[in-house]
N, C-alpha and C. Protein backbone atom coordinates (compact mmCIF):
# COMPACT_ATOMS: atom_id res chain seq x y z
N MET A 1 -5.99 -6.54 6.44
CA MET A 1 -7.25 -7.14 6.56
C MET A 1 -8.59 -5.83 5.79
N LYS A 2 -9.44 -6.65 4.97
CA LYS A 2 -10.34 -5.57 4.32
C LYS A 2 -11.32 -4.56 5.21
N LYS A 3 -11.85 -3.72 4.62
CA LYS A 3 -12.53 -2.73 5.14
C LYS A 3 -13.71 -3.41 6.05
N GLN A 4 -13.66 -3.55 7.06
CA GLN A 4 -15.10 -4.41 7.73
C GLN A 4 -16.52 -3.46 7.48
N THR A 5 -17.56 -4.34 7.08
CA THR A 5 -18.82 -3.65 6.99
C THR A 5 -19.98 -4.73 8.10
N GLY A 6 -20.96 -3.98 8.15
CA GLY A 6 -21.87 -4.45 9.25
C GLY A 6 -23.31 -4.08 8.64
N TYR A 7 -24.43 -4.74 9.07
CA TYR A 7 -25.82 -4.16 8.50
C TYR A 7 -26.60 -4.62 9.73
N VAL A 8 -27.94 -3.73 9.41
CA VAL A 8 -29.07 -3.86 10.39
C VAL A 8 -29.95 -4.46 9.82
N TYR A 9 -30.72 -5.30 10.48
CA TYR A 9 -32.03 -5.55 9.96
C TYR A 9 -32.97 -5.70 11.19
N GLN A 10 -34.31 -5.97 11.11
CA GLN A 10 -35.33 -6.05 12.01
C GLN A 10 -35.76 -7.47 11.78
N ASP A 11 -35.92 -7.72 13.41
CA ASP A 11 -35.93 -9.20 13.95
C ASP A 11 -37.32 -9.25 14.94
N GLY A 12 -38.57 -9.28 14.30
CA GLY A 12 -39.65 -9.23 15.07
C GLY A 12 -39.53 -7.35 15.53
N ASP A 13 -40.11 -7.27 16.90
CA ASP A 13 -40.12 -6.08 17.26
C ASP A 13 -38.80 -5.65 17.81
N ARG A 14 -37.38 -6.39 17.38
CA ARG A 14 -36.02 -5.67 18.09
C ARG A 14 -35.22 -5.48 16.51
N TRP A 15 -34.49 -4.49 16.82
CA TRP A 15 -33.29 -4.30 15.67
C TRP A 15 -32.00 -4.65 15.87
N VAL A 16 -31.33 -5.88 14.97
CA VAL A 16 -30.38 -6.43 15.24
C VAL A 16 -28.87 -5.73 14.30
N ALA A 17 -27.91 -5.34 14.95
CA ALA A 17 -26.79 -4.89 14.53
C ALA A 17 -25.79 -6.29 14.28
N ARG A 18 -25.46 -6.37 12.92
CA ARG A 18 -24.60 -7.61 12.79
C ARG A 18 -23.34 -7.24 12.02
N VAL A 19 -22.09 -7.87 12.60
CA VAL A 19 -20.87 -7.87 11.90
C VAL A 19 -20.36 -9.24 11.52
N THR A 20 -20.19 -9.48 10.66
CA THR A 20 -19.18 -10.77 10.62
C THR A 20 -17.79 -10.85 9.79
N TYR A 21 -16.69 -11.56 10.79
CA TYR A 21 -15.32 -11.22 10.56
C TYR A 21 -15.01 -12.36 10.63
N THR A 22 -13.37 -12.38 10.00
CA THR A 22 -13.26 -13.89 9.83
C THR A 22 -12.11 -13.93 10.89
N ASP A 23 -11.89 -15.06 11.82
CA ASP A 23 -11.11 -15.29 13.42
C ASP A 23 -9.86 -15.90 12.75
N SER A 24 -9.05 -16.04 13.58
CA SER A 24 -7.75 -16.05 13.32
C SER A 24 -7.46 -17.74 12.66
N SER A 25 -8.10 -18.35 13.24
CA SER A 25 -8.35 -19.72 12.78
C SER A 25 -8.89 -19.70 11.16
N GLY A 26 -9.46 -19.02 10.69
CA GLY A 26 -10.33 -18.91 9.25
C GLY A 26 -11.43 -19.10 9.10
N LYS A 27 -12.12 -18.98 10.49
CA LYS A 27 -13.64 -19.36 10.71
C LYS A 27 -14.43 -18.05 10.44
N ARG A 28 -15.39 -17.93 9.82
CA ARG A 28 -16.28 -16.94 9.76
C ARG A 28 -17.11 -16.93 11.22
N ARG A 29 -17.23 -15.63 11.63
CA ARG A 29 -18.07 -15.40 12.94
C ARG A 29 -18.75 -14.05 12.88
N ASN A 30 -19.52 -14.02 13.50
CA ASN A 30 -20.76 -13.18 13.44
C ASN A 30 -20.98 -12.38 15.08
N VAL A 31 -20.82 -11.24 15.08
CA VAL A 31 -21.24 -10.70 16.10
C VAL A 31 -22.53 -9.97 15.76
N LYS A 32 -23.45 -10.42 16.99
CA LYS A 32 -24.82 -9.89 17.18
C LYS A 32 -25.35 -8.93 18.44
N LYS A 33 -25.70 -8.10 17.89
CA LYS A 33 -26.17 -6.85 19.40
C LYS A 33 -27.60 -6.58 19.14
N TYR A 34 -28.85 -6.84 19.92
CA TYR A 34 -29.61 -6.65 19.78
C TYR A 34 -30.19 -5.17 20.49
N CYS A 35 -31.06 -4.46 19.59
CA CYS A 35 -31.40 -2.88 20.21
C CYS A 35 -32.78 -2.58 19.98
N ASP A 36 -33.45 -1.34 20.53
CA ASP A 36 -34.96 -1.24 20.47
C ASP A 36 -35.35 -0.45 19.48
N THR A 37 -33.98 0.42 18.83
CA THR A 37 -34.21 1.28 17.64
C THR A 37 -33.34 0.77 16.59
N LYS A 38 -34.00 1.28 15.37
CA LYS A 38 -32.79 1.58 14.19
C LYS A 38 -31.26 2.12 14.40
N THR A 39 -31.76 3.36 15.14
CA THR A 39 -30.84 4.20 15.11
C THR A 39 -29.86 3.56 16.12
N GLU A 40 -30.09 3.15 17.20
CA GLU A 40 -29.36 2.34 18.21
C GLU A 40 -28.50 1.12 17.65
N ALA A 41 -29.24 0.73 16.83
CA ALA A 41 -28.53 -0.42 15.98
C ALA A 41 -27.55 -0.21 15.26
N LYS A 42 -27.62 0.99 14.64
CA LYS A 42 -26.40 1.65 13.56
C LYS A 42 -25.47 1.85 14.45
N ARG A 43 -25.70 2.60 15.27
CA ARG A 43 -24.50 2.97 16.35
C ARG A 43 -23.82 1.80 16.86
N LYS A 44 -24.36 0.73 17.39
CA LYS A 44 -23.96 -0.46 17.75
C LYS A 44 -23.19 -1.04 16.71
N CYS A 45 -23.61 -1.17 15.41
CA CYS A 45 -23.16 -1.40 14.18
C CYS A 45 -21.49 -0.91 14.36
N ASP A 46 -21.59 0.34 13.90
CA ASP A 46 -20.41 1.34 14.37
C ASP A 46 -19.56 1.09 15.32
N SER A 47 -20.06 0.97 16.25
CA SER A 47 -19.31 0.55 17.58
C SER A 47 -18.53 -0.85 17.58
N ILE A 48 -19.33 -1.89 17.06
CA ILE A 48 -18.72 -3.17 16.67
C ILE A 48 -17.33 -3.06 15.46
N ILE A 49 -17.66 -2.51 14.40
CA ILE A 49 -16.65 -2.31 13.69
C ILE A 49 -15.27 -1.52 13.97
N SER A 50 -15.53 -0.70 14.68
CA SER A 50 -14.44 0.52 15.12
C SER A 50 -13.37 -0.63 16.43
N ASP A 51 -14.41 -1.32 17.42
CA ASP A 51 -13.67 -2.03 18.29
C ASP A 51 -12.72 -3.15 17.72
N LEU A 52 -13.40 -3.78 16.61
CA LEU A 52 -12.66 -4.87 15.62
C LEU A 52 -11.51 -4.43 14.82
N GLU A 53 -11.62 -3.04 14.42
CA GLU A 53 -10.50 -2.57 13.74
C GLU A 53 -9.37 -2.02 14.93
N SER A 54 -10.04 -1.35 15.80
CA SER A 54 -8.76 -1.22 17.01
C SER A 54 -8.09 -2.35 17.66
N ARG A 55 -9.00 -3.34 17.99
CA ARG A 55 -8.27 -4.18 18.87
C ARG A 55 -8.05 -5.60 17.89
N GLY A 56 -8.68 -5.71 16.78
CA GLY A 56 -8.41 -6.77 15.78
C GLY A 56 -9.01 -7.98 16.18
N VAL A 57 -8.68 -8.87 15.43
CA VAL A 57 -9.46 -10.38 15.41
C VAL A 57 -9.33 -11.05 17.05
N ARG A 58 -7.52 -10.50 16.99
CA ARG A 58 -7.61 -11.52 18.34
C ARG A 58 -8.20 -10.70 19.71
N GLY A 59 -8.43 -9.29 19.72
CA GLY A 59 -9.18 -9.06 20.84
C GLY A 59 -10.73 -9.78 20.93
N PHE A 60 -11.35 -9.72 19.56
CA PHE A 60 -12.71 -10.47 19.77
C PHE A 60 -12.86 -11.92 19.93
N ASP A 61 -11.73 -12.67 19.45
CA ASP A 61 -11.61 -14.25 20.03
C ASP A 61 -11.01 -14.01 21.76
N ALA A 62 -10.53 -13.11 22.06
CA ALA A 62 -10.54 -13.40 23.55
C ALA A 62 -11.53 -13.08 24.39
N ASN A 63 -12.65 -12.32 23.65
CA ASN A 63 -13.92 -12.51 24.70
C ASN A 63 -14.61 -13.60 24.95
N LYS A 64 -14.35 -14.81 23.90
CA LYS A 64 -14.98 -15.76 24.02
C LYS A 64 -13.77 -17.00 24.50
N MET A 65 -12.97 -16.62 25.06
CA MET A 65 -11.97 -17.34 25.90
C MET A 65 -12.14 -17.84 27.07
N LYS A 66 -11.95 -19.33 26.93
CA LYS A 66 -11.83 -19.64 28.35
C LYS A 66 -10.79 -19.46 29.22
N PHE A 67 -11.14 -19.58 30.65
CA PHE A 67 -10.13 -19.37 31.47
C PHE A 67 -9.11 -20.16 31.27
N ARG A 68 -9.03 -21.58 31.01
CA ARG A 68 -7.84 -22.32 30.85
C ARG A 68 -7.04 -21.80 29.74
N GLU A 69 -7.62 -21.70 28.55
CA GLU A 69 -6.93 -21.05 27.61
C GLU A 69 -6.10 -19.72 27.75
N LEU A 70 -6.91 -19.07 28.41
CA LEU A 70 -6.21 -17.62 29.15
C LEU A 70 -5.01 -17.96 29.58
N ALA A 71 -5.28 -18.98 30.85
CA ALA A 71 -4.08 -18.98 31.44
C ALA A 71 -2.80 -19.78 30.61
N GLU A 72 -3.27 -20.82 29.98
CA GLU A 72 -2.21 -21.72 28.81
C GLU A 72 -1.33 -20.35 28.46
N ARG A 73 -2.14 -19.48 27.65
CA ARG A 73 -1.46 -18.30 26.87
C ARG A 73 -0.54 -17.54 27.67
N TYR A 74 -1.05 -17.28 28.89
CA TYR A 74 -0.05 -16.24 29.63
C TYR A 74 1.08 -17.19 30.17
N SER A 75 0.81 -18.29 30.53
CA SER A 75 1.96 -19.06 30.88
C SER A 75 3.25 -19.36 29.96
N GLN A 76 2.53 -19.18 28.54
CA GLN A 76 3.29 -19.23 27.23
C GLN A 76 4.30 -18.32 27.22
N ASN A 77 3.72 -17.16 26.98
CA ASN A 77 4.04 -15.43 26.59
C ASN A 77 4.70 -15.17 27.84
N LYS A 78 4.43 -15.06 28.98
CA LYS A 78 4.40 -14.09 30.06
C LYS A 78 5.52 -14.30 30.82
N LEU A 79 5.19 -15.69 31.28
CA LEU A 79 6.16 -16.30 32.40
C LEU A 79 7.40 -16.42 32.03
N VAL A 80 8.53 -16.31 32.58
CA VAL A 80 10.01 -16.98 32.38
C VAL A 80 10.21 -17.31 33.42
N GLU A 81 11.46 -18.46 33.54
CA GLU A 81 11.93 -18.87 34.27
C GLU A 81 12.81 -17.84 35.60
N PRO A 82 12.75 -18.20 36.68
CA PRO A 82 13.88 -17.25 37.35
C PRO A 82 15.66 -17.46 37.42
N GLU A 83 16.06 -16.36 37.27
CA GLU A 83 17.36 -16.38 37.41
C GLU A 83 18.11 -16.04 38.54
N MET A 84 19.22 -16.86 39.05
CA MET A 84 19.87 -16.69 40.08
C MET A 84 20.78 -15.63 40.12
N LEU A 85 20.83 -14.48 40.72
CA LEU A 85 21.74 -13.64 40.51
C LEU A 85 22.54 -13.60 41.79
N THR A 86 24.08 -13.62 41.49
CA THR A 86 25.02 -13.60 42.74
C THR A 86 25.53 -12.37 42.72
N ILE A 87 25.22 -11.50 43.82
CA ILE A 87 25.74 -10.24 44.07
C ILE A 87 27.03 -10.30 45.02
N LEU A 88 28.33 -10.18 44.55
CA LEU A 88 29.49 -10.06 45.27
C LEU A 88 29.79 -9.03 46.08
N LYS A 89 29.78 -8.97 47.40
CA LYS A 89 30.66 -7.68 47.59
C LYS A 89 31.79 -7.41 47.62
N SER A 90 32.13 -6.27 47.17
CA SER A 90 33.55 -5.95 47.06
C SER A 90 34.30 -5.89 48.26
N PRO A 91 35.45 -6.18 48.62
CA PRO A 91 36.29 -5.99 49.83
C PRO A 91 36.70 -4.72 50.07
N GLU A 92 36.51 -3.92 50.70
CA GLU A 92 37.28 -2.42 51.26
C GLU A 92 38.45 -2.22 51.91
């Protein structure tokens, strides 16, 4: 994955921190956070980039995931069929 960059711009009386990334299906996604000051927006932009680098794209996709999708993914990856174990007591 290439080095992520973001930018800060002013929208009316608010500042916006914006980072664009490509999700797991290949679509380009934008993350926008609105702030009161330019400095706060720069910090928020850096925070978004560090989250994206540490958690990866799947972490960001999970933020917008619906519960049904999460439950399906959990059942596919984490649930296993129970196994019957028979423990025989040894005669003494």
